[in-house]
């Protein structure tokens, strides 16, 4: 009778011979309900060496990648005097006159930042992305 009522109400009934299996399954189900946490992973930094005002594209800058790599598509932040003054995305990333996807340590590049025209010589560009960390109980 109870089984028929459970089927009618679409209730899942599971049988266990060992209580530890039930506890593990409940714990796994609860972990799946928790919202994931995000951790920031720094990919690279670049130092602004020169700035240029270009009529069509706004302010561009010449950079030197000091650590890691700067990748188009990742989030960036502009740091001035150890204070984050802007967080956003790259508008363009160039090596000489070619558009590139990434520039590695020790190379120079040109870039501009979407919706931001207050870049100064000496600013630091930090490239990062968010990594999802599964929540544990």
N, C-alpha and C. Protein backbone atom coordinates (compact mmCIF):
# COMPACT_ATOMS: atom_id res chain seq x y z
N UNK A 1 0.82 -1.18 0.00
CA UNK A 1 0.00 0.00 0.00
C UNK A 1 0.87 1.26 0.00
N UNK A 2 1.88 1.31 0.85
CA UNK A 2 2.75 2.48 0.93
C UNK A 2 3.51 2.66 -0.38
N UNK A 3 3.96 1.55 -0.98
CA UNK A 3 4.71 1.62 -2.24
C UNK A 3 3.81 2.19 -3.36
N UNK A 4 2.56 1.77 -3.43
CA UNK A 4 1.64 2.26 -4.45
C UNK A 4 1.38 3.76 -4.27
N UNK A 5 1.21 4.18 -3.02
CA UNK A 5 0.99 5.60 -2.74
C UNK A 5 2.22 6.43 -3.12
N UNK A 6 3.42 5.89 -2.83
CA UNK A 6 4.66 6.58 -3.18
C UNK A 6 4.80 6.70 -4.70
N UNK A 7 4.45 5.65 -5.44
CA UNK A 7 4.52 5.70 -6.90
C UNK A 7 3.53 6.73 -7.45
N UNK A 8 2.34 6.77 -6.85
CA UNK A 8 1.31 7.71 -7.29
C UNK A 8 1.77 9.16 -7.06
N UNK A 9 2.41 9.41 -5.94
CA UNK A 9 2.88 10.75 -5.60
C UNK A 9 4.27 11.06 -6.17
N UNK A 10 4.83 10.11 -6.93
CA UNK A 10 6.16 10.23 -7.55
C UNK A 10 7.25 10.49 -6.51
N UNK A 11 7.23 9.71 -5.46
CA UNK A 11 8.24 9.79 -4.41
C UNK A 11 9.24 8.66 -4.63
N UNK A 12 10.52 8.99 -4.57
CA UNK A 12 11.58 8.02 -4.79
C UNK A 12 11.86 7.26 -3.49
N UNK A 13 11.70 5.95 -3.52
CA UNK A 13 12.00 5.11 -2.36
C UNK A 13 13.22 4.27 -2.70
N UNK A 14 14.19 4.30 -1.82
CA UNK A 14 15.42 3.53 -2.03
C UNK A 14 15.67 2.66 -0.81
N UNK A 15 16.17 1.46 -1.06
CA UNK A 15 16.45 0.52 0.01
C UNK A 15 17.97 0.39 0.18
N UNK A 16 18.39 0.38 1.43
CA UNK A 16 19.81 0.26 1.75
C UNK A 16 20.02 -0.81 2.80
N UNK A 17 21.12 -1.55 2.62
CA UNK A 17 21.45 -2.53 3.64
C UNK A 17 22.49 -1.97 4.61
N UNK A 18 23.20 -0.94 4.18
CA UNK A 18 24.23 -0.33 5.03
C UNK A 18 23.92 1.16 5.14
N UNK A 19 23.86 1.68 6.34
CA UNK A 19 23.49 3.07 6.59
C UNK A 19 24.49 4.05 5.98
N UNK A 20 25.76 3.66 5.86
CA UNK A 20 26.78 4.55 5.31
C UNK A 20 26.50 4.90 3.85
N UNK A 21 25.94 3.96 3.09
CA UNK A 21 25.58 4.25 1.70
C UNK A 21 24.50 5.32 1.65
N UNK A 22 23.54 5.25 2.54
CA UNK A 22 22.46 6.25 2.58
C UNK A 22 23.03 7.63 2.94
N UNK A 23 23.91 7.67 3.92
CA UNK A 23 24.51 8.94 4.34
C UNK A 23 25.32 9.55 3.20
N UNK A 24 26.14 8.74 2.51
CA UNK A 24 26.94 9.24 1.40
C UNK A 24 26.07 9.79 0.27
N UNK A 25 24.96 9.11 -0.02
CA UNK A 25 24.09 9.56 -1.09
C UNK A 25 23.38 10.87 -0.72
N UNK A 26 22.96 11.00 0.51
CA UNK A 26 22.32 12.24 0.97
C UNK A 26 23.32 13.39 0.94
N UNK A 27 24.55 13.12 1.37
CA UNK A 27 25.59 14.15 1.36
C UNK A 27 25.88 14.61 -0.07
N UNK A 28 25.97 13.67 -1.01
CA UNK A 28 26.22 14.01 -2.41
C UNK A 28 25.07 14.85 -2.98
N UNK A 29 23.85 14.49 -2.62
CA UNK A 29 22.68 15.25 -3.10
C UNK A 29 22.69 16.67 -2.53
N UNK A 30 23.06 16.81 -1.26
CA UNK A 30 23.10 18.14 -0.64
C UNK A 30 24.20 19.00 -1.26
N UNK A 31 25.37 18.40 -1.56
CA UNK A 31 26.46 19.15 -2.19
C UNK A 31 26.04 19.66 -3.56
N UNK A 32 25.23 18.88 -4.28
CA UNK A 32 24.74 19.30 -5.58
C UNK A 32 23.80 20.49 -5.49
N UNK A 33 23.16 20.68 -4.34
CA UNK A 33 22.23 21.79 -4.16
C UNK A 33 22.96 23.09 -3.81
N UNK A 34 24.16 22.99 -3.29
CA UNK A 34 24.90 24.18 -2.90
C UNK A 34 25.39 24.95 -4.12
N UNK A 35 25.39 26.24 -4.04
CA UNK A 35 25.89 27.08 -5.13
C UNK A 35 27.41 26.93 -5.20
N UNK A 36 27.96 26.89 -6.41
CA UNK A 36 29.41 26.75 -6.53
C UNK A 36 30.13 28.01 -6.08
N UNK A 37 31.35 27.84 -5.61
CA UNK A 37 32.18 28.96 -5.23
C UNK A 37 33.14 29.25 -6.39
N UNK A 38 33.56 30.49 -6.52
CA UNK A 38 34.48 30.86 -7.59
C UNK A 38 35.78 31.39 -7.00
N UNK A 39 36.89 30.96 -7.60
CA UNK A 39 38.21 31.38 -7.16
C UNK A 39 38.88 32.10 -8.34
N UNK A 40 39.55 33.17 -8.06
CA UNK A 40 40.23 33.94 -9.07
C UNK A 40 41.61 33.35 -9.35
N UNK A 41 41.94 33.20 -10.62
CA UNK A 41 43.26 32.70 -11.00
C UNK A 41 43.95 33.76 -11.87
N UNK A 42 45.07 34.29 -11.38
CA UNK A 42 45.82 35.32 -12.11
C UNK A 42 46.60 34.64 -13.22
N UNK A 43 46.45 35.13 -14.45
CA UNK A 43 47.12 34.53 -15.59
C UNK A 43 48.39 35.28 -15.99
N UNK A 44 48.40 36.60 -15.79
CA UNK A 44 49.59 37.35 -16.17
C UNK A 44 49.46 38.82 -15.85
N UNK A 45 50.60 39.51 -15.91
CA UNK A 45 50.62 40.95 -15.68
C UNK A 45 51.46 41.62 -16.77
N UNK A 46 51.10 42.86 -17.06
CA UNK A 46 51.84 43.65 -18.04
C UNK A 46 51.97 45.07 -17.52
N UNK A 47 53.08 45.70 -17.83
CA UNK A 47 53.33 47.08 -17.41
C UNK A 47 53.12 48.01 -18.60
N UNK A 48 52.40 49.09 -18.38
CA UNK A 48 52.16 50.09 -19.43
C UNK A 48 53.44 50.90 -19.61
N UNK A 49 53.95 50.92 -20.84
CA UNK A 49 55.18 51.67 -21.13
C UNK A 49 54.90 52.97 -21.86
N UNK A 50 53.82 53.02 -22.66
CA UNK A 50 53.50 54.22 -23.44
C UNK A 50 52.01 54.22 -23.76
N UNK A 51 51.42 55.40 -23.86
CA UNK A 51 50.01 55.52 -24.23
C UNK A 51 49.88 56.33 -25.51
N UNK A 52 48.85 56.01 -26.29
CA UNK A 52 48.58 56.68 -27.56
C UNK A 52 47.10 56.95 -27.66
N UNK A 53 46.74 58.17 -28.07
CA UNK A 53 45.33 58.48 -28.31
C UNK A 53 45.07 58.33 -29.80
N UNK A 54 44.16 57.42 -30.15
CA UNK A 54 43.80 57.17 -31.53
C UNK A 54 42.33 57.52 -31.70
N UNK A 55 42.04 58.31 -32.71
CA UNK A 55 40.70 58.88 -32.89
C UNK A 55 39.60 57.82 -32.91
N UNK A 56 39.73 56.77 -33.69
CA UNK A 56 38.66 55.79 -33.85
C UNK A 56 38.53 54.82 -32.68
N UNK A 57 39.62 54.42 -32.12
CA UNK A 57 39.55 53.37 -31.09
C UNK A 57 39.79 53.85 -29.67
N UNK A 58 40.01 55.12 -29.46
CA UNK A 58 40.23 55.64 -28.11
C UNK A 58 41.68 55.55 -27.71
N UNK A 59 41.92 55.29 -26.44
CA UNK A 59 43.29 55.26 -25.92
C UNK A 59 43.87 53.85 -26.03
N UNK A 60 45.00 53.75 -26.68
CA UNK A 60 45.73 52.49 -26.78
C UNK A 60 47.01 52.63 -25.98
N UNK A 61 47.61 51.50 -25.65
CA UNK A 61 48.86 51.58 -24.89
C UNK A 61 49.81 50.48 -25.34
N UNK A 62 51.08 50.79 -25.18
CA UNK A 62 52.14 49.83 -25.42
C UNK A 62 52.54 49.23 -24.09
N UNK A 63 52.63 47.90 -24.04
CA UNK A 63 52.88 47.18 -22.79
C UNK A 63 54.04 46.22 -22.93
N UNK A 64 54.56 45.82 -21.79
CA UNK A 64 55.57 44.78 -21.70
C UNK A 64 55.04 43.74 -20.72
N UNK A 65 54.88 42.50 -21.17
CA UNK A 65 54.34 41.44 -20.31
C UNK A 65 55.45 40.99 -19.36
N UNK A 66 55.23 41.22 -18.08
CA UNK A 66 56.26 40.93 -17.07
C UNK A 66 56.12 39.55 -16.44
N UNK A 67 54.93 38.98 -16.52
CA UNK A 67 54.71 37.68 -15.87
C UNK A 67 53.52 36.98 -16.52
N UNK A 68 53.63 35.68 -16.73
CA UNK A 68 52.52 34.90 -17.27
C UNK A 68 52.22 35.27 -18.71
N UNK A 69 50.92 35.40 -19.01
CA UNK A 69 50.52 35.79 -20.35
C UNK A 69 49.24 36.60 -20.29
N UNK A 70 49.10 37.52 -21.23
CA UNK A 70 47.90 38.33 -21.38
C UNK A 70 47.11 37.69 -22.53
N UNK A 71 45.86 37.33 -22.26
CA UNK A 71 45.04 36.63 -23.24
C UNK A 71 43.78 37.43 -23.52
N UNK A 72 43.47 37.57 -24.80
CA UNK A 72 42.24 38.24 -25.18
C UNK A 72 41.06 37.35 -24.75
N UNK A 73 40.03 37.97 -24.21
CA UNK A 73 38.85 37.21 -23.78
C UNK A 73 38.79 37.04 -22.27
N UNK A 74 39.92 37.14 -21.60
CA UNK A 74 39.90 37.06 -20.13
C UNK A 74 39.61 38.42 -19.53
N UNK A 75 39.20 38.41 -18.29
CA UNK A 75 38.96 39.67 -17.60
C UNK A 75 40.30 40.29 -17.23
N UNK A 76 40.31 41.63 -17.15
CA UNK A 76 41.53 42.33 -16.74
C UNK A 76 41.18 43.39 -15.70
N UNK A 77 42.19 43.78 -14.97
CA UNK A 77 42.04 44.91 -14.05
C UNK A 77 43.24 45.82 -14.23
N UNK A 78 42.99 47.11 -14.07
CA UNK A 78 44.04 48.11 -14.17
C UNK A 78 44.40 48.51 -12.75
N UNK A 79 45.70 48.43 -12.42
CA UNK A 79 46.18 48.74 -11.06
C UNK A 79 47.11 49.94 -11.15
N UNK A 80 46.81 50.95 -10.34
CA UNK A 80 47.65 52.15 -10.27
C UNK A 80 47.97 52.40 -8.81
N UNK A 81 49.25 52.46 -8.47
CA UNK A 81 49.70 52.68 -7.09
C UNK A 81 49.06 51.65 -6.14
N UNK A 82 49.05 50.38 -6.55
CA UNK A 82 48.51 49.25 -5.77
C UNK A 82 47.02 49.37 -5.47
N UNK A 83 46.29 50.14 -6.28
CA UNK A 83 44.85 50.29 -6.12
C UNK A 83 44.19 49.92 -7.46
N UNK A 84 43.20 49.04 -7.41
CA UNK A 84 42.47 48.67 -8.62
C UNK A 84 41.58 49.85 -9.01
N UNK A 85 41.80 50.39 -10.22
CA UNK A 85 41.01 51.54 -10.65
C UNK A 85 39.97 51.17 -11.71
N UNK A 86 40.12 49.98 -12.31
CA UNK A 86 39.15 49.55 -13.31
C UNK A 86 39.20 48.04 -13.48
N UNK A 87 38.04 47.45 -13.69
CA UNK A 87 37.93 46.03 -14.02
C UNK A 87 37.09 45.92 -15.28
N UNK A 88 37.56 45.16 -16.25
CA UNK A 88 36.82 45.05 -17.50
C UNK A 88 37.42 44.00 -18.42
N UNK A 89 37.31 44.28 -19.74
CA UNK A 89 37.80 43.36 -20.76
C UNK A 89 38.67 44.11 -21.75
N UNK A 90 39.57 43.37 -22.41
CA UNK A 90 40.39 43.95 -23.46
C UNK A 90 39.54 44.23 -24.68
N UNK A 91 39.78 45.38 -25.32
CA UNK A 91 39.12 45.68 -26.58
C UNK A 91 39.90 45.07 -27.73
N UNK A 92 41.22 45.16 -27.66
CA UNK A 92 42.07 44.56 -28.69
C UNK A 92 43.42 44.20 -28.07
N UNK A 93 44.10 43.26 -28.71
CA UNK A 93 45.43 42.84 -28.29
C UNK A 93 46.24 42.64 -29.56
N UNK A 94 47.35 43.36 -29.68
CA UNK A 94 48.15 43.31 -30.90
C UNK A 94 49.61 43.08 -30.58
N UNK A 95 50.26 42.41 -31.50
CA UNK A 95 51.71 42.22 -31.48
C UNK A 95 52.18 42.74 -32.82
N UNK A 96 52.93 43.82 -32.82
CA UNK A 96 53.25 44.60 -34.01
C UNK A 96 51.92 45.05 -34.62
N UNK A 97 51.59 44.73 -35.85
CA UNK A 97 50.32 45.17 -36.43
C UNK A 97 49.29 44.03 -36.50
N UNK A 98 49.64 42.86 -35.98
CA UNK A 98 48.77 41.69 -36.08
C UNK A 98 47.93 41.54 -34.82
N UNK A 99 46.65 41.21 -35.00
CA UNK A 99 45.81 40.85 -33.87
C UNK A 99 46.25 39.47 -33.38
N UNK A 100 46.40 39.31 -32.08
CA UNK A 100 46.81 38.03 -31.51
C UNK A 100 45.87 37.63 -30.38
N UNK A 101 45.90 36.34 -30.03
CA UNK A 101 45.05 35.84 -28.95
C UNK A 101 45.74 35.96 -27.60
N UNK A 102 47.08 35.84 -27.60
CA UNK A 102 47.82 35.95 -26.34
C UNK A 102 49.23 36.44 -26.58
N UNK A 103 49.79 37.04 -25.52
CA UNK A 103 51.18 37.50 -25.55
C UNK A 103 51.82 37.01 -24.25
N UNK A 104 52.98 36.34 -24.38
CA UNK A 104 53.62 35.71 -23.22
C UNK A 104 54.70 36.60 -22.60
N UNK A 105 55.22 36.16 -21.47
CA UNK A 105 56.25 36.88 -20.72
C UNK A 105 57.43 37.26 -21.60
N UNK A 106 57.90 38.49 -21.43
CA UNK A 106 59.09 38.95 -22.14
C UNK A 106 58.80 39.60 -23.48
N UNK A 107 57.55 39.64 -23.90
CA UNK A 107 57.20 40.24 -25.19
C UNK A 107 56.43 41.54 -24.97
N UNK A 108 56.51 42.40 -25.98
CA UNK A 108 55.76 43.65 -25.95
C UNK A 108 54.48 43.47 -26.75
N UNK A 109 53.48 44.28 -26.42
CA UNK A 109 52.21 44.22 -27.13
C UNK A 109 51.52 45.57 -27.04
N UNK A 110 50.50 45.71 -27.85
CA UNK A 110 49.66 46.90 -27.80
C UNK A 110 48.25 46.45 -27.45
N UNK A 111 47.56 47.23 -26.67
CA UNK A 111 46.20 46.86 -26.30
C UNK A 111 45.36 48.09 -26.03
N UNK A 112 44.05 47.87 -26.04
CA UNK A 112 43.16 48.90 -25.52
C UNK A 112 42.11 48.20 -24.68
N UNK A 113 41.51 48.96 -23.79
CA UNK A 113 40.57 48.40 -22.82
C UNK A 113 39.18 48.94 -23.13
N UNK A 114 38.21 48.04 -23.19
CA UNK A 114 36.83 48.44 -23.48
C UNK A 114 36.33 49.43 -22.43
N UNK A 115 35.74 50.52 -22.90
CA UNK A 115 35.06 51.51 -22.05
C UNK A 115 35.96 52.11 -20.96
N UNK A 116 37.25 52.27 -21.26
CA UNK A 116 38.16 52.87 -20.28
C UNK A 116 39.25 53.64 -21.02
N UNK A 117 39.36 54.94 -20.75
CA UNK A 117 40.35 55.78 -21.44
C UNK A 117 41.20 56.57 -20.46
N UNK A 118 41.50 56.02 -19.31
CA UNK A 118 42.30 56.73 -18.31
C UNK A 118 43.56 55.94 -17.97
N UNK A 119 44.24 55.43 -18.99
CA UNK A 119 45.45 54.64 -18.77
C UNK A 119 46.64 55.59 -18.67
N UNK A 120 47.54 55.29 -17.75
CA UNK A 120 48.75 56.11 -17.59
C UNK A 120 49.98 55.22 -17.64
N UNK A 121 51.10 55.81 -18.03
CA UNK A 121 52.37 55.08 -18.03
C UNK A 121 52.67 54.63 -16.61
N UNK A 122 53.04 53.37 -16.45
CA UNK A 122 53.35 52.81 -15.13
C UNK A 122 52.21 51.99 -14.56
N UNK A 123 51.00 52.09 -15.13
CA UNK A 123 49.90 51.25 -14.66
C UNK A 123 50.22 49.78 -14.94
N UNK A 124 49.61 48.92 -14.17
CA UNK A 124 49.77 47.47 -14.34
C UNK A 124 48.44 46.90 -14.82
N UNK A 125 48.52 46.06 -15.84
CA UNK A 125 47.36 45.33 -16.34
C UNK A 125 47.49 43.90 -15.82
N UNK A 126 46.46 43.42 -15.14
CA UNK A 126 46.46 42.07 -14.60
C UNK A 126 45.35 41.27 -15.28
N UNK A 127 45.71 40.17 -15.90
CA UNK A 127 44.75 39.31 -16.59
C UNK A 127 44.39 38.15 -15.66
N UNK A 128 43.08 37.85 -15.55
CA UNK A 128 42.65 36.77 -14.67
C UNK A 128 41.37 36.14 -15.20
N UNK A 129 41.01 34.99 -14.63
CA UNK A 129 39.71 34.40 -14.91
C UNK A 129 39.21 33.70 -13.66
N UNK A 130 37.90 33.46 -13.63
CA UNK A 130 37.24 32.84 -12.49
C UNK A 130 37.21 31.32 -12.71
N UNK A 131 37.59 30.56 -11.69
CA UNK A 131 37.55 29.11 -11.74
C UNK A 131 36.49 28.63 -10.76
N UNK A 132 35.61 27.76 -11.22
CA UNK A 132 34.56 27.24 -10.35
C UNK A 132 35.13 26.14 -9.46
N UNK A 133 34.92 26.29 -8.15
CA UNK A 133 35.37 25.32 -7.17
C UNK A 133 34.12 24.64 -6.61
N UNK A 134 34.08 23.32 -6.70
CA UNK A 134 32.91 22.59 -6.22
C UNK A 134 32.84 22.70 -4.69
N UNK A 135 31.66 23.00 -4.20
CA UNK A 135 31.46 23.18 -2.76
C UNK A 135 31.37 21.82 -2.07
N UNK A 136 32.04 21.71 -0.94
CA UNK A 136 32.03 20.48 -0.14
C UNK A 136 31.35 20.74 1.19
N UNK A 137 30.72 19.72 1.71
CA UNK A 137 30.11 19.84 3.04
C UNK A 137 31.11 19.51 4.12
